[in-house]
Amino acid sequence: MTLKAKKSLPLKDIALSLKAIEEVALKCKKCGKCQPECPVFRETGYENLTARSKLSLISSIDKKLGILPSKVGKSLSICLLCGRCKSVCTQGIDTSALFLHARLLLDEFNKKSIFKKMIIFIFMKLPFKSGKKYKSPEIQTFSSFTNPLQPKNKKIIFFSGCLFDKFFPDKTEKAKKILKSAGFDVDVINGKCCGLPHLTSGNKDAFLKSTSSLANKISSLNADIIVSGCPTCTMTLKQLWPKFFDENFDFIKNLTVLDFHQLLAKTQIKTDKISNNKNITWHNPCHFKSIGIKNEPEKLLHELLGYNFIKSSDICCGFGGSFSIDHPLISHSMGKKKLDNMREDKSSILATGCPACIMQLKKSSGFKIEVLHTIDIMYEALIKE
């Protein structure tokens, strides 16, 4: 199957799509439950950076496109896309997807000539209710993945993702050996991107190009499960792809998408009981919550491997991909606070399940500490070479 990227949106589609996200944003009741969950608000104290403020801005976007499109775009960019606000939203608004849709549409809008921008602006002012509606497709649930305890018939793709490829290629090899030792038939996809870096920057063309390439590769392998050691990649494939692609990408809905922790926690691993007195201080990546990971890391590291599992406080490390580049002072401050919290127990191994969090915590220490991925710890404990 060959998947092709769509061309840029015509004027009418941009206007209708902007109107649609405006209607979704209007569902916000301004209850404020998202405020204490927002890592950026915790760090800065600025109410205008919370999800409800962004939604308020979007809900009146037709009044701002004529004069302040850059202000709308800037507000949307000061966001980690961590999904914490989504997890507590009483109206069920998928804030991350909505903000990303808005970024893409504003990028499309800004590419148009002044004349075409005025057409869009006038079109949005018209009192219509028909047209394309922004929909939140039902998120894929994986009830079919109930018995991975006998994995001999399960073919797995391990998707490495950009950060593993560029900074941690050893973790891809370790993950492959762990999965094979658990009885899975494993193919590795590397050198491909899930597309989120392009999506967050509003570059639709680059997003569609990179994701089409990855989607074609996935579909050619006829696997049952795709698993990643990066929760951001997992979230993108599992939750964002169905919302940003047309029916040509329906195959992804029939593919089980799991994080490494989710797969291994459901897989019966035969090993001698390991007992030790070592402590692991655990940093929980923000996207774990959005993809449904709860106790899986503790099950693997404590119940399986015998480590004393210590949870650090539930605060964000502040990386957020391009957020750390666009807003380095906020990102650095958040990283330092997180690291100070994790250092409370000096005897602990510092661990997490996200390559971006590893980079941020190392950077915050001046690259003076080692932060391990669960893959590293399981490999050392279980693989005998």
Protein backbone atom coordinates (compact mmCIF):
# COMPACT_ATOMS: atom_id res chain seq x y z
CA MET A 1 0.00 0.00 0.00
CA THR A 2 1.30 3.42 -0.93
CA LEU A 3 0.10 6.40 1.06
CA LYS A 4 0.27 9.87 -0.38
CA ALA A 5 0.33 13.19 1.40
CA LYS A 6 -2.42 15.64 0.62
CA LYS A 7 -1.69 18.99 -0.94
CA SER A 8 -2.15 22.19 1.04
CA LEU A 9 -5.67 23.09 2.05
CA PRO A 10 -7.81 25.35 -0.15
CA LEU A 11 -9.23 28.57 1.27
CA LYS A 12 -12.66 27.14 2.06
CA ASP A 13 -11.22 24.18 3.98
CA ILE A 14 -8.98 26.44 6.06
CA ALA A 15 -11.92 28.66 6.97
CA LEU A 16 -14.21 25.74 7.77
CA SER A 17 -11.53 23.99 9.81
CA LEU A 18 -10.76 27.13 11.80
CA LYS A 19 -14.45 27.54 12.46
CA ALA A 20 -14.65 23.92 13.59
CA ILE A 21 -11.84 24.17 16.16
CA GLU A 22 -13.40 27.42 17.35
CA GLU A 23 -16.64 25.53 18.06
CA VAL A 24 -14.79 22.83 20.03
CA ALA A 25 -12.93 25.46 22.07
CA LEU A 26 -16.26 27.05 23.00
CA LYS A 27 -17.11 23.86 24.94
CA CYS A 28 -14.61 24.89 27.62
CA LYS A 29 -16.47 25.84 30.83
CA LYS A 30 -13.47 27.73 32.28
CA CYS A 31 -13.66 25.55 35.41
CA GLY A 32 -9.92 25.87 35.98
CA LYS A 33 -9.18 22.19 36.66
CA CYS A 34 -6.48 22.31 34.00
CA GLN A 35 -4.66 25.18 35.71
CA PRO A 36 -2.84 23.28 38.51
CA GLU A 37 -2.07 20.43 36.10
CA CYS A 38 -0.21 22.68 33.65
CA PRO A 39 3.59 22.42 34.11
CA VAL A 40 4.10 25.80 32.41
CA PHE A 41 1.64 27.48 34.77
CA ARG A 42 3.32 25.82 37.76
CA GLU A 43 6.63 27.25 36.63
CA THR A 44 5.59 30.74 35.54
CA GLY A 45 2.33 31.45 37.37
CA TYR A 46 0.94 33.02 34.18
CA GLU A 47 -2.75 32.29 33.75
CA ASN A 48 -2.62 33.25 30.07
CA LEU A 49 -0.47 30.18 29.41
CA THR A 50 -3.00 27.67 30.73
CA ALA A 51 -5.16 25.48 28.51
CA ARG A 52 -8.34 27.38 29.34
CA SER A 53 -6.74 30.65 28.26
CA LYS A 54 -5.58 29.10 25.00
CA LEU A 55 -9.06 27.71 24.44
CA SER A 56 -10.52 31.14 25.14
CA LEU A 57 -8.19 32.60 22.51
CA ILE A 58 -9.12 29.94 19.97
CA SER A 59 -12.84 30.29 20.68
CA SER A 60 -12.72 33.82 19.27
CA ILE A 61 -10.14 33.19 16.58
CA ASP A 62 -12.31 34.73 13.86
CA LYS A 63 -11.96 38.09 15.62
CA LYS A 64 -8.17 37.85 15.80
CA LEU A 65 -7.10 36.48 12.41
CA GLY A 66 -7.37 39.87 10.76
CA ILE A 67 -4.86 41.59 13.03
CA LEU A 68 -3.15 39.24 15.45
CA PRO A 69 -2.49 35.78 13.93
CA SER A 70 1.05 35.83 15.33
CA LYS A 71 -0.27 36.34 18.87
CA VAL A 72 -2.53 33.31 18.57
CA GLY A 73 0.34 31.22 17.22
CA LYS A 74 2.74 32.36 19.94
CA SER A 75 0.27 31.49 22.68
CA LEU A 76 -0.22 28.02 21.23
CA SER A 77 3.55 27.47 20.99
CA ILE A 78 4.11 27.98 24.73
CA CYS A 79 2.84 24.51 25.47
CA LEU A 80 4.57 21.23 26.31
CA LEU A 81 1.77 19.17 24.72
CA CYS A 82 2.08 16.89 27.73
CA GLY A 83 -1.64 16.09 27.78
CA ARG A 84 -2.09 16.75 31.50
CA CYS A 85 -4.87 19.28 30.88
CA LYS A 86 -6.66 16.79 28.65
CA SER A 87 -6.61 14.16 31.40
CA VAL A 88 -8.66 16.37 33.76
CA CYS A 89 -10.89 18.22 31.29
CA THR A 90 -14.52 17.91 32.41
CA GLN A 91 -15.71 18.46 28.82
CA GLY A 92 -13.45 15.82 27.32
CA ILE A 93 -11.65 18.28 25.04
CA ASP A 94 -8.55 16.75 23.45
CA THR A 95 -6.48 19.86 24.00
CA SER A 96 -3.25 18.50 22.52
CA ALA A 97 -4.87 17.52 19.22
CA LEU A 98 -6.85 20.76 19.13
CA PHE A 99 -3.78 22.95 19.67
CA LEU A 100 -1.86 21.02 17.01
CA HIS A 101 -4.72 21.40 14.54
CA ALA A 102 -4.74 25.12 15.25
CA ARG A 103 -0.97 25.40 14.70
CA LEU A 104 -1.24 23.67 11.33
CA LEU A 105 -4.17 25.81 10.23
CA LEU A 106 -2.47 29.03 11.29
CA ASP A 107 0.62 27.98 9.35
CA GLU A 108 -1.58 27.38 6.29
CA PHE A 109 -3.25 30.75 6.85
CA ASN A 110 0.06 32.62 7.16
CA LYS A 111 1.32 31.15 3.87
CA LYS A 112 -1.53 32.73 1.94
CA SER A 113 -1.34 36.12 0.23
CA ILE A 114 -2.93 39.14 1.88
CA PHE A 115 -5.83 38.90 -0.57
CA LYS A 116 -6.47 35.23 0.26
CA LYS A 117 -6.15 35.91 3.98
CA MET A 118 -8.89 38.51 3.68
CA ILE A 119 -11.13 36.00 1.89
CA ILE A 120 -10.65 33.52 4.75
CA PHE A 121 -11.25 36.24 7.32
CA ILE A 122 -14.50 37.37 5.66
CA PHE A 123 -15.62 33.78 5.08
CA MET A 124 -15.25 33.00 8.78
CA LYS A 125 -17.42 36.00 9.66
CA LEU A 126 -20.36 34.56 7.75
CA PRO A 127 -23.09 33.13 10.02
CA PHE A 128 -23.01 29.54 8.84
CA LYS A 129 -23.11 26.28 10.77
CA SER A 130 -22.73 23.77 7.98
CA GLY A 131 -19.50 22.35 6.66
CA LYS A 132 -16.79 20.15 8.02
CA LYS A 133 -16.80 19.62 11.73
CA TYR A 134 -13.78 19.00 13.88
CA LYS A 135 -14.23 15.52 15.24
CA SER A 136 -12.42 13.64 17.96
CA PRO A 137 -12.32 10.09 16.61
CA GLU A 138 -12.73 7.33 19.14
CA ILE A 139 -9.29 6.45 20.43
CA GLN A 140 -8.22 2.94 19.56
CA THR A 141 -8.65 0.56 22.49
CA PHE A 142 -6.70 -2.62 22.45
CA SER A 143 -9.05 -5.11 24.04
CA SER A 144 -7.93 -7.65 21.44
CA PHE A 145 -4.47 -7.69 22.98
CA THR A 146 -5.44 -10.00 25.82
CA ASN A 147 -3.07 -12.92 25.63
CA PRO A 148 0.53 -12.00 24.85
CA LEU A 149 1.63 -14.72 27.29
CA GLN A 150 2.14 -17.04 24.33
CA PRO A 151 3.77 -14.65 21.87
CA LYS A 152 5.03 -17.15 19.30
CA ASN A 153 2.40 -16.03 16.80
CA LYS A 154 2.80 -12.34 17.53
CA LYS A 155 4.97 -10.39 15.14
CA ILE A 156 6.28 -7.16 16.62
CA ILE A 157 7.68 -3.99 15.12
CA PHE A 158 9.98 -2.09 17.43
CA PHE A 159 9.87 1.53 16.29
CA SER A 160 13.01 3.28 17.50
CA GLY A 161 12.08 6.92 16.84
CA CYS A 162 14.35 9.90 16.27
CA LEU A 163 15.92 10.15 19.74
CA PHE A 164 16.84 6.48 19.95
CA ASP A 165 18.26 6.69 16.42
CA LYS A 166 20.35 9.79 17.01
CA PHE A 167 21.33 9.56 20.67
CA PHE A 168 20.58 6.09 22.07
CA PRO A 169 21.01 3.46 19.33
CA ASP A 170 22.22 0.98 21.95
CA LYS A 171 18.77 1.01 23.55
CA THR A 172 17.19 -0.13 20.28
CA GLU A 173 19.51 -3.13 20.17
CA LYS A 174 18.85 -3.91 23.83
CA ALA A 175 15.09 -3.70 23.33
CA LYS A 176 15.29 -6.03 20.34
CA LYS A 177 17.18 -8.65 22.37
CA ILE A 178 14.76 -8.37 25.30
CA LEU A 179 11.75 -8.83 23.03
CA LYS A 180 13.32 -11.77 21.24
CA SER A 181 14.19 -13.39 24.56
CA ALA A 182 10.50 -13.03 25.52
CA GLY A 183 9.56 -15.05 22.43
CA PHE A 184 8.51 -12.37 19.97
CA ASP A 185 9.35 -12.22 16.28
CA VAL A 186 10.81 -8.71 16.00
CA ASP A 187 11.35 -6.32 13.11
CA VAL A 188 13.01 -2.97 13.81
CA ILE A 189 12.07 0.26 12.06
CA ASN A 190 14.67 2.97 12.43
CA GLY A 191 15.59 6.04 10.45
CA LYS A 192 11.93 7.14 10.40
CA CYS A 193 10.01 9.85 12.28
CA CYS A 194 6.52 9.70 13.79
CA GLY A 195 6.05 13.27 12.54
CA LEU A 196 5.37 15.05 15.82
CA PRO A 197 8.34 17.46 15.59
CA HIS A 198 6.93 18.75 12.28
CA LEU A 199 3.39 18.79 13.61
CA THR A 200 4.32 20.89 16.64
CA SER A 201 6.06 23.44 14.44
CA GLY A 202 3.03 23.72 12.15
CA ASN A 203 4.86 22.27 9.14
CA LYS A 204 2.14 20.17 7.56
CA ASP A 205 4.08 19.26 4.41
CA ALA A 206 7.04 17.86 6.36
CA PHE A 207 4.67 16.08 8.74
CA LEU A 208 2.80 14.31 5.95
CA LYS A 209 6.01 13.43 4.12
CA SER A 210 7.68 11.85 7.15
CA THR A 211 4.58 10.04 8.39
CA SER A 212 3.69 8.70 4.94
CA SER A 213 7.14 7.17 4.73
CA LEU A 214 6.78 5.55 8.15
CA ALA A 215 3.21 4.39 7.49
CA ASN A 216 4.24 2.69 4.25
CA LYS A 217 7.04 0.88 6.08
CA ILE A 218 4.71 -0.26 8.88
CA SER A 219 2.04 -1.52 6.50
CA SER A 220 4.60 -3.49 4.47
CA LEU A 221 5.67 -5.57 7.49
CA ASN A 222 2.21 -7.01 8.33
CA ALA A 223 2.87 -6.99 12.06
CA ASP A 224 0.41 -7.50 14.91
CA ILE A 225 1.94 -5.03 17.33
CA ILE A 226 4.11 -1.93 17.09
CA VAL A 227 5.99 -1.03 20.23
CA SER A 228 8.26 1.89 21.09
CA GLY A 229 10.57 2.90 23.92
CA CYS A 230 9.47 6.51 23.47
CA PRO A 231 6.03 7.32 24.95
CA THR A 232 5.76 10.42 22.75
CA CYS A 233 6.07 8.27 19.63
CA THR A 234 3.54 5.83 21.08
CA MET A 235 1.10 8.65 21.81
CA THR A 236 1.54 10.10 18.32
CA LEU A 237 0.86 6.83 16.50
CA LYS A 238 -1.91 5.75 18.84
CA GLN A 239 -3.80 9.01 19.33
CA LEU A 240 -2.73 11.66 16.83
CA TRP A 241 -2.40 9.69 13.61
CA PRO A 242 -6.12 8.75 13.53
CA LYS A 243 -6.97 12.44 13.95
CA PHE A 244 -4.70 13.90 11.29
CA PHE A 245 -5.06 11.41 8.46
CA ASP A 246 -7.83 10.39 6.09
CA GLU A 247 -9.24 6.92 5.51
CA ASN A 248 -6.06 5.76 3.74
CA PHE A 249 -4.49 5.42 7.19
CA ASP A 250 -7.19 3.17 8.61
CA PHE A 251 -4.69 0.34 8.84
CA ILE A 252 -3.17 1.99 11.94
CA LYS A 253 -6.49 1.51 13.76
CA ASN A 254 -6.15 -2.25 13.34
CA LEU A 255 -2.59 -2.30 14.65
CA THR A 256 -1.93 -2.59 18.37
CA VAL A 257 0.28 0.32 19.44
CA LEU A 258 2.00 -0.12 22.79
CA ASP A 259 4.78 1.35 24.85
CA PHE A 260 7.61 -0.99 25.83
CA HIS A 261 6.39 -1.04 29.45
CA GLN A 262 2.84 -1.97 28.48
CA LEU A 263 3.98 -4.90 26.36
CA LEU A 264 6.49 -6.35 28.81
CA ALA A 265 4.21 -5.90 31.83
CA LYS A 266 1.63 -8.12 30.05
CA THR A 267 4.18 -10.69 28.95
CA GLN A 268 5.08 -13.61 31.17
CA ILE A 269 8.84 -13.48 31.58
CA LYS A 270 10.41 -16.52 33.17
CA THR A 271 13.36 -15.61 35.34
CA ASP A 272 14.92 -16.52 38.64
CA LYS A 273 13.71 -14.31 41.46
CA ILE A 274 16.06 -11.37 41.66
CA SER A 275 16.53 -9.74 45.05
CA ASN A 276 18.67 -6.74 45.78
CA ASN A 277 18.69 -3.71 48.03
CA LYS A 278 19.17 -1.17 45.30
CA ASN A 279 16.86 1.81 45.07
CA ILE A 280 15.45 3.16 41.83
CA THR A 281 14.09 6.70 41.86
CA TRP A 282 11.58 6.89 39.06
CA HIS A 283 10.60 9.89 36.92
CA ASN A 284 7.23 9.36 35.29
CA PRO A 285 7.10 10.87 31.77
CA CYS A 286 4.08 13.10 31.13
CA HIS A 287 2.88 11.06 28.16
CA PHE A 288 2.63 7.91 30.28
CA LYS A 289 -0.62 9.28 31.67
CA SER A 290 -2.06 10.04 28.25
CA ILE A 291 -1.34 6.53 26.87
CA GLY A 292 -2.66 4.79 29.96
CA ILE A 293 0.51 3.66 31.74
CA LYS A 294 0.04 3.41 35.50
CA ASN A 295 1.79 0.67 37.44
CA GLU A 296 3.68 -1.04 34.62
CA PRO A 297 7.12 0.44 35.46
CA GLU A 298 6.79 -0.62 39.10
CA LYS A 299 5.67 -4.09 38.03
CA LEU A 300 8.75 -4.52 35.86
CA LEU A 301 11.34 -2.93 38.11
CA HIS A 302 10.03 -3.93 41.53
CA GLU A 303 7.95 -7.07 41.13
CA LEU A 304 10.07 -8.63 38.39
CA LEU A 305 13.55 -7.32 39.11
CA GLY A 306 13.32 -6.72 42.86
CA TYR A 307 14.40 -3.08 43.05
CA ASN A 308 13.07 -0.74 45.71
CA PHE A 309 10.86 1.49 43.58
CA ILE A 310 10.71 5.14 44.65
CA LYS A 311 8.39 7.49 42.78
CA SER A 312 9.56 11.08 42.49
CA SER A 313 7.02 13.89 42.60
CA ASP A 314 4.66 14.09 39.65
CA ILE A 315 6.15 17.14 37.97
CA CYS A 316 7.30 17.59 34.39
CA CYS A 317 11.00 17.68 33.53
CA GLY A 318 10.33 20.50 31.05
CA PHE A 319 11.76 19.08 27.83
CA GLY A 320 8.72 19.01 25.54
CA GLY A 321 10.72 18.63 22.31
CA SER A 322 10.86 21.97 20.51
CA PHE A 323 9.55 23.65 23.68
CA SER A 324 13.04 23.33 25.19
CA ILE A 325 14.46 25.15 22.16
CA ASP A 326 11.80 27.83 21.88
CA HIS A 327 11.57 28.50 25.63
CA PRO A 328 14.96 27.45 27.08
CA LEU A 329 14.78 29.41 30.34
CA ILE A 330 11.45 27.90 31.40
CA SER A 331 12.58 24.45 30.28
CA HIS A 332 15.89 24.66 32.13
CA SER A 333 14.27 25.85 35.35
CA MET A 334 11.75 22.99 35.25
CA GLY A 335 14.53 20.47 34.62
CA LYS A 336 16.59 21.69 37.58
CA LYS A 337 13.61 21.47 39.92
CA LYS A 338 12.80 17.97 38.76
CA LEU A 339 16.39 16.81 39.14
CA ASP A 340 16.66 18.29 42.64
CA ASN A 341 13.55 16.35 43.58
CA MET A 342 14.95 13.11 42.20
CA ARG A 343 18.26 13.56 44.02
CA GLU A 344 16.66 13.34 47.46
CA ASP A 345 17.81 9.73 47.75
CA LYS A 346 21.53 9.78 46.98
CA SER A 347 21.79 6.00 46.72
CA SER A 348 19.21 5.69 43.98
CA ILE A 349 19.56 4.78 40.36
CA LEU A 350 17.78 7.53 38.42
CA ALA A 351 15.46 6.00 35.85
CA THR A 352 12.64 6.87 33.48
CA GLY A 353 10.90 5.47 30.41
CA CYS A 354 11.44 8.31 27.94
CA PRO A 355 14.55 9.25 25.93
CA ALA A 356 13.61 12.94 25.93
CA CYS A 357 13.34 12.94 29.73
CA ILE A 358 16.75 11.23 29.92
CA MET A 359 18.27 14.01 27.81
CA GLN A 360 16.63 16.73 29.87
CA LEU A 361 17.68 15.31 33.24
CA LYS A 362 21.25 14.77 32.05
CA LYS A 363 21.38 18.28 30.65
CA SER A 364 20.00 19.74 33.87
CA SER A 365 22.85 18.12 35.77
CA GLY A 366 25.47 19.46 33.40
CA PHE A 367 25.78 15.90 32.03
CA LYS A 368 27.26 14.78 35.35
CA ILE A 369 24.74 12.05 36.16
CA GLU A 370 23.58 8.85 34.52
CA VAL A 371 19.86 8.40 33.89
CA LEU A 372 18.74 4.97 32.73
CA HIS A 373 15.82 3.80 30.63
CA THR A 374 13.88 0.75 31.81
CA ILE A 375 15.29 -0.99 28.74
CA ASP A 376 18.84 -0.54 30.13
CA ILE A 377 17.90 -1.95 33.52
CA MET A 378 16.00 -4.94 32.16
CA TYR A 379 18.77 -5.73 29.70
CA GLU A 380 21.43 -5.81 32.42
CA ALA A 381 19.26 -7.99 34.65
CA LEU A 382 17.80 -10.45 32.15
CA ILE A 383 20.06 -10.82 29.12
CA LYS A 384 23.04 -13.08 29.55
CA GLU A 385 25.73 -12.64 26.91
